[in-house]
C-alpha atoms as a PDB file:
ATOM      1  CA  UNK A   1      33.609   1.413  -9.864  1.00  0.00           C
ATOM      2  CA  UNK A   2      29.876   2.154 -10.048  1.00  0.00           C
ATOM      3  CA  UNK A   3      27.580  -0.895 -10.080  1.00  0.00           C
ATOM      4  CA  UNK A   4      26.129  -2.234 -13.307  1.00  0.00           C
ATOM      5  CA  UNK A   5      22.561  -1.959 -12.001  1.00  0.00           C
ATOM      6  CA  UNK A   6      20.817   0.365  -9.560  1.00  0.00           C
ATOM      7  CA  UNK A   7      17.580  -1.098  -8.205  1.00  0.00           C
ATOM      8  CA  UNK A   8      15.076   1.591  -7.213  1.00  0.00           C
ATOM      9  CA  UNK A   9      12.719   0.533  -4.417  1.00  0.00           C
ATOM     10  CA  UNK A  10      10.111   2.928  -2.962  1.00  0.00           C
ATOM     11  CA  UNK A  11       8.998   1.635   0.433  1.00  0.00           C
ATOM     12  CA  UNK A  12       5.796   2.440   2.310  1.00  0.00           C
ATOM     13  CA  UNK A  13       3.820   0.154   4.640  1.00  0.00           C
ATOM     14  CA  UNK A  14       5.158  -3.113   3.210  1.00  0.00           C
ATOM     15  CA  UNK A  15       6.677  -4.667   6.345  1.00  0.00           C
ATOM     16  CA  UNK A  16       5.043  -8.051   5.644  1.00  0.00           C
ATOM     17  CA  UNK A  17       6.465  -8.302   2.120  1.00  0.00           C
ATOM     18  CA  UNK A  18       9.713  -6.320   2.188  1.00  0.00           C
ATOM     19  CA  UNK A  19      12.097  -9.082   3.386  1.00  0.00           C
ATOM     20  CA  UNK A  20      11.016 -11.308   0.490  1.00  0.00           C
ATOM     21  CA  UNK A  21      11.625  -8.438  -1.943  1.00  0.00           C
ATOM     22  CA  UNK A  22      15.103  -7.711  -0.589  1.00  0.00           C
ATOM     23  CA  UNK A  23      15.981 -11.417  -0.387  1.00  0.00           C
ATOM     24  CA  UNK A  24      15.173 -11.737  -4.087  1.00  0.00           C
ATOM     25  CA  UNK A  25      17.938  -9.207  -4.771  1.00  0.00           C
ATOM     26  CA  UNK A  26      20.453 -11.052  -2.621  1.00  0.00           C
ATOM     27  CA  UNK A  27      19.570 -14.256  -4.501  1.00  0.00           C
ATOM     28  CA  UNK A  28      20.465 -12.746  -7.892  1.00  0.00           C
ATOM     29  CA  UNK A  29      22.952 -14.662 -10.032  1.00  0.00           C
ATOM     30  CA  UNK A  30      24.401 -11.257 -10.980  1.00  0.00           C
ATOM     31  CA  UNK A  31      26.054  -9.738  -7.885  1.00  0.00           C
ATOM     32  CA  UNK A  32      26.970  -6.365  -9.441  1.00  0.00           C
ATOM     33  CA  UNK A  33      24.136  -4.171  -8.171  1.00  0.00           C
ATOM     34  CA  UNK A  34      23.120  -1.593  -5.623  1.00  0.00           C
ATOM     35  CA  UNK A  35      19.642  -1.180  -4.169  1.00  0.00           C
ATOM     36  CA  UNK A  36      18.548   2.431  -3.668  1.00  0.00           C
ATOM     37  CA  UNK A  37      15.810   2.000  -1.071  1.00  0.00           C
ATOM     38  CA  UNK A  38      13.708   4.995  -0.076  1.00  0.00           C
ATOM     39  CA  UNK A  39      11.698   4.775   3.130  1.00  0.00           C
ATOM     40  CA  UNK A  40       8.871   7.150   2.270  1.00  0.00           C
ATOM     41  CA  UNK A  41       7.972   7.993   5.870  1.00  0.00           C
ATOM     42  CA  UNK A  42       6.522   4.530   6.428  1.00  0.00           C
ATOM     43  CA  UNK A  43       4.704   4.296   9.790  1.00  0.00           C
ATOM     44  CA  UNK A  44       5.425   0.565  10.205  1.00  0.00           C
ATOM     45  CA  UNK A  45       8.811  -1.147  10.672  1.00  0.00           C
ATOM     46  CA  UNK A  46       9.707  -1.066   6.969  1.00  0.00           C
ATOM     47  CA  UNK A  47      12.412   1.549   7.581  1.00  0.00           C
ATOM     48  CA  UNK A  48      13.970  -0.572  10.310  1.00  0.00           C
ATOM     49  CA  UNK A  49      13.984  -3.617   8.016  1.00  0.00           C
ATOM     50  CA  UNK A  50      15.850  -1.605   5.380  1.00  0.00           C
ATOM     51  CA  UNK A  51      18.438  -0.484   7.922  1.00  0.00           C
ATOM     52  CA  UNK A  52      18.973  -4.079   9.070  1.00  0.00           C
ATOM     53  CA  UNK A  53      19.636  -5.260   5.504  1.00  0.00           C
ATOM     54  CA  UNK A  54      21.962  -2.318   4.850  1.00  0.00           C
ATOM     55  CA  UNK A  55      23.948  -3.177   7.990  1.00  0.00           C
ATOM     56  CA  UNK A  56      24.489  -6.724   6.673  1.00  0.00           C
ATOM     57  CA  UNK A  57      25.010  -5.939   2.981  1.00  0.00           C
ATOM     58  CA  UNK A  58      26.631  -2.708   1.783  1.00  0.00           C
ATOM     59  CA  UNK A  59      24.866  -2.931  -1.580  1.00  0.00           C
ATOM     60  CA  UNK A  60      21.693  -1.691   0.113  1.00  0.00           C
ATOM     61  CA  UNK A  61      21.633   2.122   0.233  1.00  0.00           C
ATOM     62  CA  UNK A  62      18.841   3.444   2.449  1.00  0.00           C
ATOM     63  CA  UNK A  63      17.324   6.914   2.478  1.00  0.00           C
ATOM     64  CA  UNK A  64      14.630   8.019   4.930  1.00  0.00           C
ATOM     65  CA  UNK A  65      12.276  10.888   4.081  1.00  0.00           C
ATOM     66  CA  UNK A  66       8.896  12.319   4.975  1.00  0.00           C
ATOM     67  CA  UNK A  67       5.965  10.741   3.205  1.00  0.00           C
ATOM     68  CA  UNK A  68       5.489  12.126  -0.290  1.00  0.00           C
ATOM     69  CA  UNK A  69       4.212   9.171  -2.308  1.00  0.00           C
ATOM     70  CA  UNK A  70       5.808   6.637  -4.647  1.00  0.00           C
ATOM     71  CA  UNK A  71       6.687   9.286  -7.255  1.00  0.00           C
ATOM     72  CA  UNK A  72       8.567  11.360  -4.711  1.00  0.00           C
ATOM     73  CA  UNK A  73      10.458   8.289  -3.475  1.00  0.00           C
ATOM     74  CA  UNK A  74      11.393   7.189  -6.991  1.00  0.00           C
ATOM     75  CA  UNK A  75      12.532  10.686  -7.940  1.00  0.00           C
ATOM     76  CA  UNK A  76      14.860  10.804  -4.940  1.00  0.00           C
ATOM     77  CA  UNK A  77      16.234   7.381  -5.842  1.00  0.00           C
ATOM     78  CA  UNK A  78      16.872   8.534  -9.417  1.00  0.00           C
ATOM     79  CA  UNK A  79      19.069  11.312  -8.032  1.00  0.00           C
ATOM     80  CA  UNK A  80      21.045   8.876  -5.879  1.00  0.00           C
ATOM     81  CA  UNK A  81      21.426   5.971  -8.336  1.00  0.00           C
ATOM     82  CA  UNK A  82      24.946   5.355  -9.658  1.00  0.00           C
ATOM     83  CA  UNK A  83      24.441   2.276 -11.844  1.00  0.00           C
ATOM     84  CA  UNK A  84      24.854   2.000 -15.594  1.00  0.00           C
ATOM     85  CA  UNK A  85      21.317   0.603 -15.751  1.00  0.00           C
ATOM     86  CA  UNK A  86      18.163   1.087 -13.678  1.00  0.00           C
ATOM     87  CA  UNK A  87      15.677  -1.486 -12.439  1.00  0.00           C
ATOM     88  CA  UNK A  88      12.447  -0.622 -10.626  1.00  0.00           C
ATOM     89  CA  UNK A  89      11.046  -3.003  -8.020  1.00  0.00           C
ATOM     90  CA  UNK A  90       8.147  -2.283  -5.665  1.00  0.00           C
ATOM     91  CA  UNK A  91       8.603  -3.220  -2.023  1.00  0.00           C
ATOM     92  CA  UNK A  92       5.750  -5.732  -1.971  1.00  0.00           C
ATOM     93  CA  UNK A  93       6.938  -7.591  -5.099  1.00  0.00           C
ATOM     94  CA  UNK A  94       9.956  -9.774  -5.902  1.00  0.00           C
ATOM     95  CA  UNK A  95      11.998 -10.856  -8.938  1.00  0.00           C
ATOM     96  CA  UNK A  96      13.352 -13.983 -10.645  1.00  0.00           C
ATOM     97  CA  UNK A  97      16.903 -14.907  -9.497  1.00  0.00           C
ATOM     98  CA  UNK A  98      18.244 -14.502 -13.059  1.00  0.00           C
ATOM     99  CA  UNK A  99      16.510 -11.222 -13.906  1.00  0.00           C
ATOM    100  CA  UNK A 100      19.595  -9.022 -13.629  1.00  0.00           C
ATOM    101  CA  UNK A 101      21.916 -11.538 -15.294  1.00  0.00           C
ATOM    102  CA  UNK A 102      19.567 -12.006 -18.253  1.00  0.00           C
ATOM    103  CA  UNK A 103      18.726  -8.346 -18.800  1.00  0.00           C
ATOM    104  CA  UNK A 104      22.299  -7.124 -18.426  1.00  0.00           C
ATOM    105  CA  UNK A 105      23.492  -9.745 -20.912  1.00  0.00           C
ATOM    106  CA  UNK A 106      20.865  -8.731 -23.490  1.00  0.00           C
ATOM    107  CA  UNK A 107      21.311  -4.973 -22.989  1.00  0.00           C
ATOM    108  CA  UNK A 108      25.026  -5.237 -23.641  1.00  0.00           C
ATOM    109  CA  UNK A 109      24.707  -7.771 -26.439  1.00  0.00           C
ATOM    110  CA  UNK A 110      22.204  -5.613 -28.345  1.00  0.00           C
ATOM    111  CA  UNK A 111      23.450  -2.216 -27.123  1.00  0.00           C
ATOM    112  CA  UNK A 112      19.857  -1.520 -26.077  1.00  0.00           C
ATOM    113  CA  UNK A 113      18.519   1.277 -23.907  1.00  0.00           C
ATOM    114  CA  UNK A 114      15.859  -1.026 -22.491  1.00  0.00           C
ATOM    115  CA  UNK A 115      15.214  -4.731 -22.031  1.00  0.00           C
ATOM    116  CA  UNK A 116      11.475  -5.302 -21.615  1.00  0.00           C
ATOM    117  CA  UNK A 117      10.173  -8.390 -19.819  1.00  0.00           C
ATOM    118  CA  UNK A 118       6.821  -9.483 -18.365  1.00  0.00           C
ATOM    119  CA  UNK A 119       5.412 -10.479 -15.000  1.00  0.00           C
ATOM    120  CA  UNK A 120       4.349 -13.998 -14.028  1.00  0.00           C
ATOM    121  CA  UNK A 121       0.595 -14.003 -14.634  1.00  0.00           C
ATOM    122  CA  UNK A 122       0.159 -17.584 -13.420  1.00  0.00           C
ATOM    123  CA  UNK A 123       1.677 -16.684 -10.043  1.00  0.00           C
ATOM    124  CA  UNK A 124      -0.652 -13.711  -9.646  1.00  0.00           C
ATOM    125  CA  UNK A 125      -3.724 -15.779 -10.602  1.00  0.00           C
ATOM    126  CA  UNK A 126      -2.789 -18.619  -8.245  1.00  0.00           C
ATOM    127  CA  UNK A 127      -2.164 -16.106  -5.476  1.00  0.00           C
ATOM    128  CA  UNK A 128      -5.580 -14.488  -5.886  1.00  0.00           C
ATOM    129  CA  UNK A 129      -7.278 -17.904  -5.822  1.00  0.00           C
ATOM    130  CA  UNK A 130      -5.382 -19.010  -2.735  1.00  0.00           C
ATOM    131  CA  UNK A 131      -6.158 -15.695  -1.046  1.00  0.00           C
ATOM    132  CA  UNK A 132      -9.862 -16.182  -1.802  1.00  0.00           C
ATOM    133  CA  UNK A 133      -9.770 -19.718  -0.375  1.00  0.00           C
ATOM    134  CA  UNK A 134      -7.879 -18.616   2.729  1.00  0.00           C
ATOM    135  CA  UNK A 135      -4.796 -20.678   1.854  1.00  0.00           C
ATOM    136  CA  UNK A 136      -1.123 -19.818   2.340  1.00  0.00           C
ATOM    137  CA  UNK A 137       0.812 -18.530  -0.666  1.00  0.00           C
ATOM    138  CA  UNK A 138       2.879 -21.641  -1.296  1.00  0.00           C
ATOM    139  CA  UNK A 139       6.407 -21.977  -2.623  1.00  0.00           C
ATOM    140  CA  UNK A 140       7.494 -20.352  -5.886  1.00  0.00           C
ATOM    141  CA  UNK A 141       9.540 -22.556  -8.241  1.00  0.00           C
ATOM    142  CA  UNK A 142      11.772 -20.510 -10.526  1.00  0.00           C
ATOM    143  CA  UNK A 143      12.624 -21.944 -13.972  1.00  0.00           C
ATOM    144  CA  UNK A 144      16.251 -21.760 -15.099  1.00  0.00           C
ATOM    145  CA  UNK A 145      17.003 -19.967 -18.379  1.00  0.00           C
ATOM    146  CA  UNK A 146      19.947 -20.541 -20.719  1.00  0.00           C
ATOM    147  CA  UNK A 147      21.127 -17.121 -21.906  1.00  0.00           C
ATOM    148  CA  UNK A 148      22.418 -18.004 -25.416  1.00  0.00           C
ATOM    149  CA  UNK A 149      19.112 -19.707 -26.289  1.00  0.00           C
ATOM    150  CA  UNK A 150      16.823 -16.829 -25.286  1.00  0.00           C
ATOM    151  CA  UNK A 151      14.445 -15.649 -27.998  1.00  0.00           C
ATOM    152  CA  UNK A 152      14.109 -11.894 -28.383  1.00  0.00           C
ATOM    153  CA  UNK A 153      12.989  -9.159 -30.746  1.00  0.00           C
ATOM    154  CA  UNK A 154      15.050  -5.983 -31.135  1.00  0.00           C
ATOM    155  CA  UNK A 155      13.466  -2.746 -32.338  1.00  0.00           C
ATOM    156  CA  UNK A 156      14.346   0.915 -32.804  1.00  0.00           C
ATOM    157  CA  UNK A 157      10.617   1.781 -32.867  1.00  0.00           C
ATOM    158  CA  UNK A 158       9.151   0.982 -29.446  1.00  0.00           C
ATOM    159  CA  UNK A 159       5.928   2.821 -30.388  1.00  0.00           C
ATOM    160  CA  UNK A 160       5.130   0.022 -32.829  1.00  0.00           C
ATOM    161  CA  UNK A 161       5.233  -2.623 -30.084  1.00  0.00           C
ATOM    162  CA  UNK A 162       3.923  -0.865 -26.965  1.00  0.00           C
ATOM    163  CA  UNK A 163       0.295  -0.806 -25.882  1.00  0.00           C
ATOM    164  CA  UNK A 164      -2.002  -0.342 -22.909  1.00  0.00           C
ATOM    165  CA  UNK A 165      -4.580  -2.488 -24.680  1.00  0.00           C
ATOM    166  CA  UNK A 166      -4.700  -6.263 -25.122  1.00  0.00           C
ATOM    167  CA  UNK A 167      -2.912  -5.954 -28.455  1.00  0.00           C
ATOM    168  CA  UNK A 168      -1.265  -3.296 -30.606  1.00  0.00           C
ATOM    169  CA  UNK A 169      -3.671  -1.351 -32.830  1.00  0.00           C
ATOM    170  CA  UNK A 170      -1.815  -0.863 -36.145  1.00  0.00           C
ATOM    171  CA  UNK A 171      -1.722   2.357 -38.100  1.00  0.00           C
ATOM    172  CA  UNK A 172      -4.389   2.789 -40.793  1.00  0.00           C
ATOM    173  CA  UNK A 173      -3.328   0.874 -43.889  1.00  0.00           C
ATOM    174  CA  UNK A 174      -0.684  -1.153 -42.034  1.00  0.00           C
ATOM    175  CA  UNK A 175      -1.459  -4.805 -42.807  1.00  0.00           C
ATOM    176  CA  UNK A 176       1.587  -6.228 -41.041  1.00  0.00           C
ATOM    177  CA  UNK A 177       0.974  -7.996 -37.750  1.00  0.00           C
ATOM    178  CA  UNK A 178       2.836  -7.663 -34.465  1.00  0.00           C
ATOM    179  CA  UNK A 179       3.491 -11.002 -32.784  1.00  0.00           C
ATOM    180  CA  UNK A 180       1.823 -10.753 -29.361  1.00  0.00           C
ATOM    181  CA  UNK A 181       4.887 -12.346 -27.794  1.00  0.00           C
ATOM    182  CA  UNK A 182       6.835  -9.148 -28.374  1.00  0.00           C
ATOM    183  CA  UNK A 183       4.305  -6.515 -27.337  1.00  0.00           C
ATOM    184  CA  UNK A 184       5.204  -4.329 -24.354  1.00  0.00           C
ATOM    185  CA  UNK A 185       1.929  -4.238 -22.457  1.00  0.00           C
ATOM    186  CA  UNK A 186       1.105  -1.551 -19.924  1.00  0.00           C
ATOM    187  CA  UNK A 187       3.153   1.339 -18.685  1.00  0.00           C
ATOM    188  CA  UNK A 188       4.576  -0.031 -15.430  1.00  0.00           C
ATOM    189  CA  UNK A 189       8.216   0.960 -14.716  1.00  0.00           C
ATOM    190  CA  UNK A 190       8.855  -2.490 -13.213  1.00  0.00           C
ATOM    191  CA  UNK A 191       8.634  -4.177 -16.622  1.00  0.00           C
ATOM    192  CA  UNK A 192      12.124  -3.293 -17.827  1.00  0.00           C
ATOM    193  CA  UNK A 193      15.814  -2.664 -17.324  1.00  0.00           C
ATOM    194  CA  UNK A 194      16.729   0.855 -18.516  1.00  0.00           C
ATOM    195  CA  UNK A 195      19.978   2.522 -19.493  1.00  0.00           C
ATOM    196  CA  UNK A 196      20.419   5.216 -16.843  1.00  0.00           C
ATOM    197  CA  UNK A 197      21.758   7.979 -19.081  1.00  0.00           C
ATOM    198  CA  UNK A 198      18.652   7.780 -21.290  1.00  0.00           C
ATOM    199  CA  UNK A 199      15.994   8.139 -18.584  1.00  0.00           C
ATOM    200  CA  UNK A 200      17.606   9.591 -15.432  1.00  0.00           C
ATOM    201  CA  UNK A 201      16.146  13.072 -16.049  1.00  0.00           C
ATOM    202  CA  UNK A 202      12.598  11.814 -16.665  1.00  0.00           C
ATOM    203  CA  UNK A 203      10.721  12.403 -13.430  1.00  0.00           C
ATOM    204  CA  UNK A 204       7.508  10.962 -12.039  1.00  0.00           C
ATOM    205  CA  UNK A 205       4.702  13.460 -11.409  1.00  0.00           C
ATOM    206  CA  UNK A 206       4.354  13.847  -7.659  1.00  0.00           C
ATOM    207  CA  UNK A 207       1.061  14.043  -5.767  1.00  0.00           C
ATOM    208  CA  UNK A 208      -0.935  11.721  -8.054  1.00  0.00           C
ATOM    209  CA  UNK A 209      -1.449   8.043  -8.807  1.00  0.00           C
ATOM    210  CA  UNK A 210      -1.342   6.790 -12.422  1.00  0.00           C
ATOM    211  CA  UNK A 211       2.022   8.543 -12.660  1.00  0.00           C
ATOM    212  CA  UNK A 212       3.333   5.563 -14.643  1.00  0.00           C
ATOM    213  CA  UNK A 213       1.442   6.575 -17.800  1.00  0.00           C
ATOM    214  CA  UNK A 214       3.107   9.978 -18.411  1.00  0.00           C
ATOM    215  CA  UNK A 215       6.477   8.647 -17.248  1.00  0.00           C
ATOM    216  CA  UNK A 216       6.441   5.690 -19.656  1.00  0.00           C
ATOM    217  CA  UNK A 217       5.257   7.890 -22.518  1.00  0.00           C
ATOM    218  CA  UNK A 218       8.344  10.082 -22.099  1.00  0.00           C
ATOM    219  CA  UNK A 219      10.601   7.055 -21.724  1.00  0.00           C
ATOM    220  CA  UNK A 220       9.440   5.738 -25.101  1.00  0.00           C
ATOM    221  CA  UNK A 221      10.621   8.965 -26.692  1.00  0.00           C
ATOM    222  CA  UNK A 222      14.057   8.506 -25.118  1.00  0.00           C
ATOM    223  CA  UNK A 223      14.664   4.903 -26.235  1.00  0.00           C
ATOM    224  CA  UNK A 224      16.894   4.443 -29.276  1.00  0.00           C
ATOM    225  CA  UNK A 225      16.835   0.641 -29.241  1.00  0.00           C
ATOM    226  CA  UNK A 226      14.822  -1.858 -27.186  1.00  0.00           C
ATOM    227  CA  UNK A 227      15.220  -5.591 -26.665  1.00  0.00           C
ATOM    228  CA  UNK A 228      11.868  -7.316 -26.201  1.00  0.00           C
ATOM    229  CA  UNK A 229      11.948 -10.432 -24.051  1.00  0.00           C
ATOM    230  CA  UNK A 230       8.833 -12.531 -23.470  1.00  0.00           C
ATOM    231  CA  UNK A 231       9.861 -13.972 -20.106  1.00  0.00           C
ATOM    232  CA  UNK A 232       7.948 -13.687 -16.784  1.00  0.00           C
ATOM    233  CA  UNK A 233      10.779 -12.376 -14.607  1.00  0.00           C
ATOM    234  CA  UNK A 234       8.754 -10.152 -12.262  1.00  0.00           C
ATOM    235  CA  UNK A 235       6.415 -11.383  -9.522  1.00  0.00           C
ATOM    236  CA  UNK A 236       3.672  -8.904  -8.784  1.00  0.00           C
ATOM    237  CA  UNK A 237       1.887  -9.125  -5.442  1.00  0.00           C
ATOM    238  CA  UNK A 238      -1.671  -7.683  -5.512  1.00  0.00           C
ATOM    239  CA  UNK A 239      -1.428  -5.681  -2.299  1.00  0.00           C
ATOM    240  CA  UNK A 240      -4.963  -4.421  -1.688  1.00  0.00           C
ATOM    241  CA  UNK A 241      -3.602  -1.782   0.678  1.00  0.00           C
ATOM    242  CA  UNK A 242      -1.448  -0.300  -2.095  1.00  0.00           C
ATOM    243  CA  UNK A 243      -1.912   3.255  -3.360  1.00  0.00           C
ATOM    244  CA  UNK A 244      -3.946   2.514  -6.501  1.00  0.00           C
ATOM    245  CA  UNK A 245      -6.102  -0.309  -5.163  1.00  0.00           C
ATOM    246  CA  UNK A 246      -6.928   1.564  -1.955  1.00  0.00           C
ATOM    247  CA  UNK A 247      -7.471   5.064  -3.420  1.00  0.00           C
ATOM    248  CA  UNK A 248     -10.975   6.548  -3.469  1.00  0.00           C
ATOM    249  CA  UNK A 249     -12.695   7.159  -6.789  1.00  0.00           C
ATOM    250  CA  UNK A 250     -12.495  10.964  -6.704  1.00  0.00           C
ATOM    251  CA  UNK A 251      -8.738  10.893  -6.170  1.00  0.00           C
ATOM    252  CA  UNK A 252      -8.312   8.350  -8.973  1.00  0.00           C
ATOM    253  CA  UNK A 253     -10.275  10.522 -11.391  1.00  0.00           C
ATOM    254  CA  UNK A 254      -8.404  13.723 -10.527  1.00  0.00           C
ATOM    255  CA  UNK A 255      -5.045  11.944 -10.758  1.00  0.00           C
ATOM    256  CA  UNK A 256      -5.899  10.528 -14.160  1.00  0.00           C
ATOM    257  CA  UNK A 257      -7.013  13.949 -15.418  1.00  0.00           C
ATOM    258  CA  UNK A 258      -3.741  15.536 -14.328  1.00  0.00           C
ATOM    259  CA  UNK A 259      -1.691  12.742 -15.877  1.00  0.00           C
ATOM    260  CA  UNK A 260      -3.513  13.023 -19.219  1.00  0.00           C
ATOM    261  CA  UNK A 261      -3.311  16.827 -19.373  1.00  0.00           C
ATOM    262  CA  UNK A 262       0.410  16.845 -18.587  1.00  0.00           C
ATOM    263  CA  UNK A 263       1.495  14.168 -21.034  1.00  0.00           C
ATOM    264  CA  UNK A 264      -0.715  15.343 -23.931  1.00  0.00           C
ATOM    265  CA  UNK A 265       1.158  18.637 -23.861  1.00  0.00           C
ATOM    266  CA  UNK A 266       4.558  16.906 -23.618  1.00  0.00           C
ATOM    267  CA  UNK A 267       3.852  14.504 -26.478  1.00  0.00           C
ATOM    268  CA  UNK A 268       2.441  17.225 -28.707  1.00  0.00           C
ATOM    269  CA  UNK A 269       5.709  19.142 -28.309  1.00  0.00           C
ATOM    270  CA  UNK A 270       8.251  16.308 -28.484  1.00  0.00           C
ATOM    271  CA  UNK A 271       6.827  13.353 -30.441  1.00  0.00           C
ATOM    272  CA  UNK A 272       6.899  13.026 -34.211  1.00  0.00           C
ATOM    273  CA  UNK A 273       3.508  12.843 -35.960  1.00  0.00           C
ATOM    274  CA  UNK A 274       3.956   9.072 -36.398  1.00  0.00           C
ATOM    275  CA  UNK A 275       4.902   8.581 -32.749  1.00  0.00           C
ATOM    276  CA  UNK A 276       1.999  10.690 -31.514  1.00  0.00           C
ATOM    277  CA  UNK A 277      -0.481   8.804 -33.710  1.00  0.00           C
ATOM    278  CA  UNK A 278       0.746   5.417 -32.428  1.00  0.00           C
ATOM    279  CA  UNK A 279       0.707   6.665 -28.835  1.00  0.00           C
ATOM    280  CA  UNK A 280      -2.807   8.030 -29.295  1.00  0.00           C
ATOM    281  CA  UNK A 281      -4.113   4.703 -30.679  1.00  0.00           C
ATOM    282  CA  UNK A 282      -2.519   2.411 -28.129  1.00  0.00           C
ATOM    283  CA  UNK A 283      -2.305   4.540 -24.975  1.00  0.00           C
ATOM    284  CA  UNK A 284      -4.069   7.885 -24.881  1.00  0.00           C
ATOM    285  CA  UNK A 285      -7.420   6.756 -26.318  1.00  0.00           C
ATOM    286  CA  UNK A 286      -7.486   3.786 -23.943  1.00  0.00           C
ATOM    287  CA  UNK A 287      -6.668   5.922 -20.887  1.00  0.00           C
ATOM    288  CA  UNK A 288      -9.256   8.535 -21.862  1.00  0.00           C
ATOM    289  CA  UNK A 289     -11.851   5.762 -22.215  1.00  0.00           C
ATOM    290  CA  UNK A 290     -10.885   4.569 -18.751  1.00  0.00           C
ATOM    291  CA  UNK A 291     -11.375   8.077 -17.370  1.00  0.00           C
ATOM    292  CA  UNK A 292     -14.805   8.391 -18.977  1.00  0.00           C
ATOM    293  CA  UNK A 293     -15.912   5.081 -17.425  1.00  0.00           C
ATOM    294  CA  UNK A 294     -14.751   6.208 -13.994  1.00  0.00           C
ATOM    295  CA  UNK A 295     -16.574   9.532 -14.304  1.00  0.00           C
ATOM    296  CA  UNK A 296     -19.755   7.786 -15.483  1.00  0.00           C
ATOM    297  CA  UNK A 297     -19.572   5.303 -12.617  1.00  0.00           C
ATOM    298  CA  UNK A 298     -19.065   8.095 -10.100  1.00  0.00           C
ATOM    299  CA  UNK A 299     -22.018  10.067 -11.521  1.00  0.00           C
ATOM    300  CA  UNK A 300     -24.282   7.047 -11.082  1.00  0.00           C
END
């Protein structure tokens, strides 16, 4: 029997954080998963760490390849994944022990193609402060959640709830308000559990950063129903040696240009007029503004 969840983990130069990431999978209250780990030609001992975990636990599937970037690693993992659902986790991050149990329960209860959750902002803020003060990270205390009492919102129109801004910008003339608790903010793959059959064929653009934006835009088109869950189940580690934070400005600008050009064409062909308008308001216009600021800063 295939596993309920395939966890996709691209791995590159994260030897100091990887054991914590993999341990957070082993600690899951839902045991029915596989981890598709792709060593993207990492020059440190990350590949060896993956092999050691795979030798101890058969749920870890490890693939070694030449370096091609996070998109290349994720695309390979998408080809190898066998689970009914997909979960993306980066090798320097970790997840709440109940994440899989909660999301699988909601996806099946609501027959949703995606369960969207959030990351723990308090953890990230505390971590940055402690890093600035030269202190150790400290212990993370995970709250326990009771599944039947979880509050959610279910929608068949993800475009109405998703945004790259601080809040959803409504359509002209729309006086109804979206409760901020249910907005899906930002386009990171790690913010959801996805039904595999709906998104398996959506690939990440290789050779650029900011590949999340065009990928998520296409995913929104593929979702028939989404369960929105306002719980901080993902723990994001601000690794300053990561691809985006360490990339030079010229590469960032060129990557963003390629991402925008590619997805504008895709959305123009595949989105309905209403979907395109919502996407333009809450994603495209924001990303184009971001590009303009980067180009202005570089020119100065």
